[in-house]
Amino acid sequence: MKYNQLGSSGISVSEICLGTMTWGIQNTQQDADAQMSLALDSGINVMDTAEMYPVPPNAPTYADTERTIGNWLSRHQSKREKLVIMSKIAGGGISWIRDGAGITEQAISSSIDASLKRLQTDYIDVYQLHWPNRPTPHFGKQWVGMTNPTQIDKEHEIHQMRGIVLALGEAIKAGKIRHWGLSDDTPWGIHTFLTLCDEANVPRPVSIQNEFSLLHAKDWPYLIEMCHLEDIAYLPWSPLATGMLSGKYQNGARPEGSRWTYVQRQGLFRDTEMANEATAHYANIARKEGISPAQLALAWCKNVPGVSSTIIGATSTAQLQENIEAFSKVLSAEATEAIDRTLQRYPLAF
């Protein structure tokens, strides 16, 4: 297993981050225990969760993923110090989480306390802002006209962000979190948080999680360049495009128990004609390379300059093992060239 520095944190993390958002709906506690065992045996030392998980988000299972992790931690306390646990505070728009309100200075403190209790730990290694309060070009909203920066009240946003930074600084001083990070943000968001941190003498964010895959490469190279030069770890989430790049949803297939069979997750904005065409091309490259389509997509992602740790999830240990093995694959020159040609043709397939 290869390890990289997590931005400016001084923490060394495995190039694979274990994603856990299926734990609580698609996966049981027993499943989670098995995945943790496999991950640790493989050298993975970082895992990602969120108060919103599991996905698809709903009130009855709200925060059950953190509870599942807490259950495991309560039985494996000796392993806590060797783990890097990342969690996230939800942004606005979810009615059963703080009545749908956005992230505020007050919400930071109460949400951290709630996560610590569920996780059964004294501290969170990296606490992240799941998405910004302002509208941003994420979750399929990157196309022209879907967001409008001229309608954003800049001073209001900066005022909110300043409060968030101060609250995170207090949480770090109290030892409740060791570092903090971003998720689903933009270069302006990163820049503004860096400026506010410097002004308030609060530690800078050490990482950012954004959606990034062969079907959704909008962060390359601009945002990733900024992250690297500002010492912020870039952590791709959904490197398999919610499983699409595995090929399992081709030709309208919906395998039993898969994510796209669940309400809210039935392809969402990702099930487009271009995405299906691109996936077919990548699957063909994988066949010629003698690896699975999922392994091709993950092997490509880990090689993108500036990627620190790739977040992978699975609903079975067999899937997790296949995904872990992808990081030891070396793509041939022919495969790399074929991927480049396909990516140039479909840089944003959804």
Protein backbone atom coordinates (compact mmCIF):
# COMPACT_ATOMS: atom_id res chain seq x y z
CA MET A 1 0.00 0.00 0.00
CA LYS A 2 1.25 3.45 -0.89
CA TYR A 3 0.81 6.33 1.56
CA ASN A 4 0.62 10.07 0.91
CA GLN A 5 0.58 13.17 3.09
CA LEU A 6 -2.89 14.51 3.78
CA GLY A 7 -2.30 18.09 2.74
CA SER A 8 -0.70 20.20 5.46
CA SER A 9 -1.91 17.91 8.28
CA GLY A 10 1.28 15.90 8.66
CA ILE A 11 -0.87 12.76 8.58
CA SER A 12 0.13 9.89 6.30
CA VAL A 13 -2.88 8.27 4.64
CA SER A 14 -3.25 5.26 2.39
CA GLU A 15 -3.90 5.97 -1.28
CA ILE A 16 -7.21 4.20 -0.72
CA CYS A 17 -9.85 5.71 1.57
CA LEU A 18 -12.65 3.41 2.71
CA GLY A 19 -16.04 4.96 1.97
CA THR A 20 -18.85 3.88 4.27
CA MET A 21 -22.07 5.46 3.03
CA THR A 22 -23.70 2.09 2.26
CA TRP A 23 -23.43 1.02 5.90
CA GLY A 24 -26.89 1.15 7.43
CA ILE A 25 -29.04 0.49 4.34
CA GLN A 26 -27.24 -1.71 1.83
CA ASN A 27 -24.86 -3.07 4.45
CA THR A 28 -25.39 -4.48 7.94
CA GLN A 29 -23.12 -4.20 10.95
CA GLN A 30 -21.75 -7.64 10.10
CA ASP A 31 -20.97 -6.46 6.55
CA ALA A 32 -19.24 -3.37 7.91
CA ASP A 33 -17.14 -5.46 10.28
CA ALA A 34 -16.00 -7.66 7.38
CA GLN A 35 -15.13 -4.63 5.24
CA MET A 36 -13.16 -3.07 8.08
CA SER A 37 -11.21 -6.28 8.57
CA LEU A 38 -10.35 -6.49 4.88
CA ALA A 39 -9.45 -2.80 4.69
CA LEU A 40 -7.11 -2.90 7.66
CA ASP A 41 -5.48 -6.13 6.48
CA SER A 42 -4.86 -4.40 3.13
CA GLY A 43 -3.15 -1.42 4.74
CA ILE A 44 -6.01 1.09 4.47
CA ASN A 45 -5.83 3.52 7.40
CA VAL A 46 -8.35 6.21 6.45
CA MET A 47 -12.14 6.01 6.33
CA ASP A 48 -14.79 8.54 5.40
CA THR A 49 -18.30 8.99 6.75
CA ALA A 50 -20.85 11.76 7.35
CA GLU A 51 -23.72 12.58 9.66
CA MET A 52 -26.04 12.37 6.62
CA TYR A 53 -25.15 8.74 5.82
CA PRO A 54 -26.28 6.15 4.88
CA VAL A 55 -27.33 6.92 1.33
CA PRO A 56 -29.98 7.29 0.05
CA PRO A 57 -30.54 9.79 2.87
CA ASN A 58 -33.77 9.46 4.81
CA ALA A 59 -35.01 10.30 8.29
CA PRO A 60 -35.33 6.74 9.68
CA THR A 61 -31.68 5.84 8.98
CA TYR A 62 -30.16 9.28 9.57
CA ALA A 63 -26.62 8.97 11.03
CA ASP A 64 -26.75 5.17 11.21
CA THR A 65 -23.41 4.92 9.37
CA GLU A 66 -21.66 6.80 12.17
CA ARG A 67 -23.40 4.52 14.66
CA THR A 68 -22.18 1.47 12.76
CA ILE A 69 -18.62 2.75 12.88
CA GLY A 70 -19.03 3.56 16.56
CA ASN A 71 -20.17 0.01 17.21
CA TRP A 72 -17.00 -1.29 15.56
CA LEU A 73 -14.77 1.20 17.39
CA SER A 74 -16.25 0.22 20.74
CA ARG A 75 -14.98 -3.32 20.09
CA HIS A 76 -11.61 -2.30 18.64
CA GLN A 77 -10.46 0.61 20.78
CA SER A 78 -6.80 -0.35 20.45
CA LYS A 79 -6.97 0.37 16.71
CA ARG A 80 -8.39 3.87 17.01
CA GLU A 81 -5.04 5.71 17.07
CA LYS A 82 -3.94 4.01 13.85
CA LEU A 83 -7.08 5.13 11.99
CA VAL A 84 -7.78 8.44 10.29
CA ILE A 85 -11.52 9.00 10.63
CA MET A 86 -13.14 11.69 8.52
CA SER A 87 -16.74 12.82 8.96
CA LYS A 88 -18.86 15.65 7.61
CA ILE A 89 -21.53 18.12 8.68
CA ALA A 90 -24.44 18.23 6.24
CA GLY A 91 -25.24 21.40 4.36
CA GLY A 92 -28.72 22.81 3.97
CA GLY A 93 -31.71 21.26 2.30
CA ILE A 94 -32.34 18.11 4.37
CA SER A 95 -35.48 18.69 6.42
CA TRP A 96 -34.69 16.18 9.17
CA ILE A 97 -31.21 17.61 9.80
CA ARG A 98 -31.46 20.93 11.66
CA ASP A 99 -34.75 21.63 9.86
CA GLY A 100 -32.93 21.94 6.55
CA ALA A 101 -30.79 24.88 7.65
CA GLY A 102 -27.31 25.45 6.26
CA ILE A 103 -24.00 25.19 8.09
CA THR A 104 -23.64 27.79 10.84
CA GLU A 105 -21.21 28.59 13.61
CA GLN A 106 -23.68 27.20 16.14
CA ALA A 107 -24.38 24.04 14.13
CA ILE A 108 -20.68 23.16 13.95
CA SER A 109 -20.36 22.68 17.72
CA SER A 110 -23.56 20.68 18.25
CA SER A 111 -22.99 18.52 15.17
CA ILE A 112 -19.44 17.63 16.20
CA ASP A 113 -20.66 16.60 19.64
CA ALA A 114 -23.39 14.43 18.12
CA SER A 115 -20.96 12.76 15.72
CA LEU A 116 -18.46 12.06 18.51
CA LYS A 117 -21.17 10.37 20.55
CA ARG A 118 -22.32 8.22 17.64
CA LEU A 119 -18.77 7.34 16.61
CA GLN A 120 -17.86 6.51 20.23
CA THR A 121 -14.58 8.38 19.98
CA ASP A 122 -13.05 11.41 21.67
CA TYR A 123 -11.95 13.12 18.47
CA ILE A 124 -12.47 13.22 14.70
CA ASP A 125 -9.30 13.38 12.65
CA VAL A 126 -10.74 15.49 9.82
CA TYR A 127 -14.13 17.21 10.05
CA GLN A 128 -15.49 18.35 6.71
CA LEU A 129 -18.16 20.70 5.38
CA HIS A 130 -20.28 18.39 3.22
CA TRP A 131 -21.33 21.10 0.78
CA PRO A 132 -21.39 24.92 0.80
CA ASN A 133 -24.34 27.04 1.86
CA ARG A 134 -24.30 28.89 -1.46
CA PRO A 135 -25.39 27.26 -4.75
CA THR A 136 -22.38 25.64 -6.43
CA PRO A 137 -21.78 23.71 -9.68
CA HIS A 138 -21.82 20.27 -8.08
CA PHE A 139 -24.23 17.33 -8.08
CA GLY A 140 -24.87 17.67 -11.80
CA LYS A 141 -25.23 21.45 -11.76
CA GLN A 142 -22.01 22.23 -13.63
CA TRP A 143 -23.72 23.09 -16.92
CA VAL A 144 -24.14 26.69 -18.07
CA GLY A 145 -27.25 28.29 -16.62
CA MET A 146 -27.76 25.82 -13.76
CA THR A 147 -26.12 28.15 -11.23
CA ASN A 148 -25.76 31.89 -11.37
CA PRO A 149 -22.80 33.50 -9.56
CA THR A 150 -24.22 36.98 -10.17
CA GLN A 151 -27.01 36.17 -7.73
CA ILE A 152 -24.69 35.25 -4.86
CA ASP A 153 -24.41 37.79 -2.04
CA LYS A 154 -20.64 37.70 -1.63
CA GLU A 155 -20.45 39.61 1.65
CA HIS A 156 -23.16 37.47 3.21
CA GLU A 157 -21.35 34.29 2.20
CA ILE A 158 -18.04 35.55 3.57
CA HIS A 159 -19.73 36.50 6.84
CA GLN A 160 -21.13 32.97 7.19
CA MET A 161 -17.82 31.38 6.25
CA ARG A 162 -15.96 33.50 8.80
CA GLY A 163 -18.22 32.18 11.55
CA ILE A 164 -17.70 28.62 10.38
CA VAL A 165 -13.91 29.08 10.42
CA LEU A 166 -14.00 30.47 13.96
CA ALA A 167 -16.17 27.56 15.16
CA LEU A 168 -13.82 25.03 13.59
CA GLY A 169 -10.88 26.76 15.24
CA GLU A 170 -12.57 26.43 18.62
CA ALA A 171 -13.26 22.74 18.00
CA ILE A 172 -9.58 22.19 17.17
CA LYS A 173 -8.51 24.02 20.32
CA ALA A 174 -10.89 21.85 22.37
CA GLY A 175 -9.39 18.70 20.87
CA LYS A 176 -12.72 17.55 19.40
CA ILE A 177 -11.34 17.60 15.88
CA ARG A 178 -7.71 17.58 14.78
CA HIS A 179 -8.10 19.05 11.30
CA TRP A 180 -10.85 20.17 8.98
CA GLY A 181 -11.62 19.95 5.30
CA LEU A 182 -14.03 20.81 2.52
CA SER A 183 -16.27 18.85 0.21
CA ASP A 184 -18.07 19.78 -2.99
CA ASP A 185 -16.57 23.25 -3.10
CA THR A 186 -14.98 25.45 -5.77
CA PRO A 187 -11.74 27.43 -6.23
CA TRP A 188 -13.47 30.55 -4.88
CA GLY A 189 -14.62 28.65 -1.81
CA ILE A 190 -11.14 27.27 -1.20
CA HIS A 191 -9.53 30.68 -1.70
CA THR A 192 -11.97 32.42 0.62
CA PHE A 193 -11.55 29.87 3.40
CA LEU A 194 -7.77 30.12 3.13
CA THR A 195 -7.95 33.89 3.44
CA LEU A 196 -10.31 33.73 6.42
CA CYS A 197 -8.14 31.16 8.18
CA ASP A 198 -5.07 33.32 7.79
CA GLU A 199 -6.95 36.37 9.06
CA ALA A 200 -8.30 34.53 12.12
CA ASN A 201 -5.15 32.49 12.81
CA VAL A 202 -7.12 29.24 12.40
CA PRO A 203 -5.52 26.15 10.81
CA ARG A 204 -6.20 25.90 7.09
CA PRO A 205 -8.30 23.11 5.55
CA VAL A 206 -6.18 20.03 4.85
CA SER A 207 -8.36 18.33 2.26
CA ILE A 208 -11.27 18.53 -0.12
CA GLN A 209 -13.57 15.80 -1.42
CA ASN A 210 -15.15 16.36 -4.82
CA GLU A 211 -16.80 14.06 -7.31
CA PHE A 212 -14.20 12.97 -9.84
CA SER A 213 -14.06 10.10 -12.31
CA LEU A 214 -13.56 9.17 -15.95
CA LEU A 215 -17.12 10.37 -16.52
CA HIS A 216 -16.82 13.57 -14.50
CA ALA A 217 -13.38 15.19 -14.74
CA LYS A 218 -14.40 18.83 -14.30
CA ASP A 219 -11.86 19.51 -11.52
CA TRP A 220 -8.90 18.72 -13.76
CA PRO A 221 -6.68 20.65 -13.96
CA TYR A 222 -7.80 23.92 -12.42
CA LEU A 223 -9.13 23.03 -8.98
CA ILE A 224 -6.64 20.19 -8.52
CA GLU A 225 -3.76 22.52 -9.37
CA MET A 226 -4.94 24.93 -6.68
CA CYS A 227 -5.20 22.12 -4.13
CA HIS A 228 -1.71 20.88 -4.81
CA LEU A 229 -0.09 24.30 -4.71
CA GLU A 230 -1.95 25.25 -1.51
CA ASP A 231 -1.15 21.90 0.20
CA ILE A 232 -4.74 20.67 0.27
CA ALA A 233 -5.23 16.95 -0.32
CA TYR A 234 -7.58 16.18 -3.20
CA LEU A 235 -9.82 13.18 -2.45
CA PRO A 236 -12.05 11.99 -5.31
CA TRP A 237 -15.43 10.62 -4.30
CA SER A 238 -17.47 8.36 -6.55
CA PRO A 239 -14.51 7.40 -8.77
CA LEU A 240 -16.80 4.74 -10.26
CA ALA A 241 -19.60 7.27 -10.89
CA THR A 242 -21.94 5.60 -8.36
CA GLY A 243 -21.03 2.23 -9.84
CA MET A 244 -21.69 3.12 -13.46
CA LEU A 245 -18.06 2.64 -14.50
CA SER A 246 -18.18 -0.95 -13.28
CA GLY A 247 -20.45 -1.61 -16.26
CA LYS A 248 -23.19 -3.14 -14.15
CA TYR A 249 -25.83 -0.64 -15.29
CA GLN A 250 -25.16 -1.02 -19.02
CA ASN A 251 -28.13 -1.61 -21.32
CA GLY A 252 -30.56 -0.63 -18.59
CA ALA A 253 -29.49 -3.37 -16.16
CA ARG A 254 -30.38 -2.86 -12.51
CA PRO A 255 -28.83 -5.67 -10.44
CA GLU A 256 -30.81 -6.59 -7.36
CA GLY A 257 -29.70 -4.61 -4.32
CA SER A 258 -27.57 -2.17 -6.34
CA ARG A 259 -27.70 1.54 -5.58
CA TRP A 260 -29.69 2.46 -8.65
CA THR A 261 -32.56 0.24 -7.50
CA TYR A 262 -33.16 2.53 -4.51
CA VAL A 263 -35.50 5.51 -4.51
CA GLN A 264 -33.53 8.77 -5.10
CA ARG A 265 -30.60 6.85 -6.59
CA GLN A 266 -32.04 5.53 -9.84
CA GLY A 267 -29.32 6.97 -12.02
CA LEU A 268 -30.02 10.51 -10.87
CA PHE A 269 -28.35 12.88 -13.32
CA ARG A 270 -25.63 10.37 -14.26
CA ASP A 271 -27.64 8.00 -16.46
CA THR A 272 -27.13 9.84 -19.75
CA GLU A 273 -26.60 8.65 -23.30
CA MET A 274 -23.04 10.01 -23.30
CA ALA A 275 -22.22 8.34 -19.97
CA ASN A 276 -23.42 4.98 -21.26
CA GLU A 277 -21.43 5.38 -24.47
CA ALA A 278 -18.27 6.35 -22.58
CA THR A 279 -18.69 3.48 -20.13
CA ALA A 280 -18.91 1.02 -23.03
CA HIS A 281 -15.64 2.38 -24.43
CA TYR A 282 -13.89 2.08 -21.06
CA ALA A 283 -15.23 -1.45 -20.56
CA ASN A 284 -13.76 -2.42 -23.93
CA ILE A 285 -10.37 -0.97 -22.96
CA ALA A 286 -10.52 -2.91 -19.68
CA ARG A 287 -11.23 -6.18 -21.49
CA LYS A 288 -8.20 -5.67 -23.73
CA GLU A 289 -6.11 -4.86 -20.65
CA GLY A 290 -7.28 -8.00 -18.85
CA ILE A 291 -8.79 -6.18 -15.87
CA SER A 292 -12.32 -5.27 -14.81
CA PRO A 293 -13.91 -1.96 -15.86
CA ALA A 294 -13.96 -0.88 -12.20
CA GLN A 295 -10.25 -1.57 -11.85
CA LEU A 296 -9.50 0.43 -14.99
CA ALA A 297 -11.38 3.45 -13.64
CA LEU A 298 -9.70 3.28 -10.24
CA ALA A 299 -6.22 2.66 -11.64
CA TRP A 300 -6.67 5.74 -13.83
CA CYS A 301 -7.91 7.87 -10.94
CA LYS A 302 -5.01 7.05 -8.63
CA ASN A 303 -2.55 8.17 -11.33
CA VAL A 304 -4.04 11.64 -11.80
CA PRO A 305 -1.37 14.10 -10.57
CA GLY A 306 -2.56 15.74 -7.37
CA VAL A 307 -4.86 12.93 -6.17
CA SER A 308 -3.94 12.04 -2.58
CA SER A 309 -6.39 9.27 -1.66
CA THR A 310 -9.30 7.86 -3.62
CA ILE A 311 -12.54 7.11 -1.77
CA ILE A 312 -13.91 3.68 -2.63
CA GLY A 313 -16.99 1.94 -1.29
CA ALA A 314 -18.52 -1.47 -1.79
CA THR A 315 -21.52 -3.52 -0.79
CA SER A 316 -19.58 -6.78 -0.54
CA THR A 317 -16.08 -7.84 0.46
CA ALA A 318 -15.65 -9.33 -3.03
CA GLN A 319 -16.28 -5.90 -4.58
CA LEU A 320 -14.00 -4.25 -2.03
CA GLN A 321 -11.22 -6.75 -2.77
CA GLU A 322 -11.57 -6.13 -6.51
CA ASN A 323 -11.38 -2.38 -5.95
CA ILE A 324 -8.37 -2.61 -3.65
CA GLU A 325 -6.51 -4.72 -6.22
CA ALA A 326 -7.03 -1.95 -8.78
CA PHE A 327 -4.40 0.16 -7.01
CA SER A 328 -1.68 -2.36 -7.77
CA LYS A 329 -2.53 -2.41 -11.47
CA VAL A 330 -0.17 -0.70 -13.90
CA LEU A 331 -1.96 0.45 -17.03
CA SER A 332 -0.19 -0.22 -20.30
CA ALA A 333 0.76 2.59 -22.65
CA GLU A 334 -1.89 1.37 -25.08
CA ALA A 335 -4.60 1.45 -22.42
CA THR A 336 -3.53 4.88 -21.22
CA GLU A 337 -3.65 6.28 -24.74
CA ALA A 338 -7.07 4.75 -25.34
CA ILE A 339 -8.35 6.20 -22.07
CA ASP A 340 -6.99 9.63 -23.01
CA ARG A 341 -8.77 9.54 -26.37
CA THR A 342 -12.05 8.51 -24.75
CA LEU A 343 -11.75 11.12 -21.99
CA GLN A 344 -11.15 13.84 -24.55
CA ARG A 345 -14.32 12.75 -26.32
CA TYR A 346 -16.39 12.50 -23.11
CA PRO A 347 -14.78 14.82 -20.50
CA LEU A 348 -18.14 15.47 -18.87
CA ALA A 349 -20.41 12.59 -19.77
CA PHE A 350 -23.12 13.68 -17.31
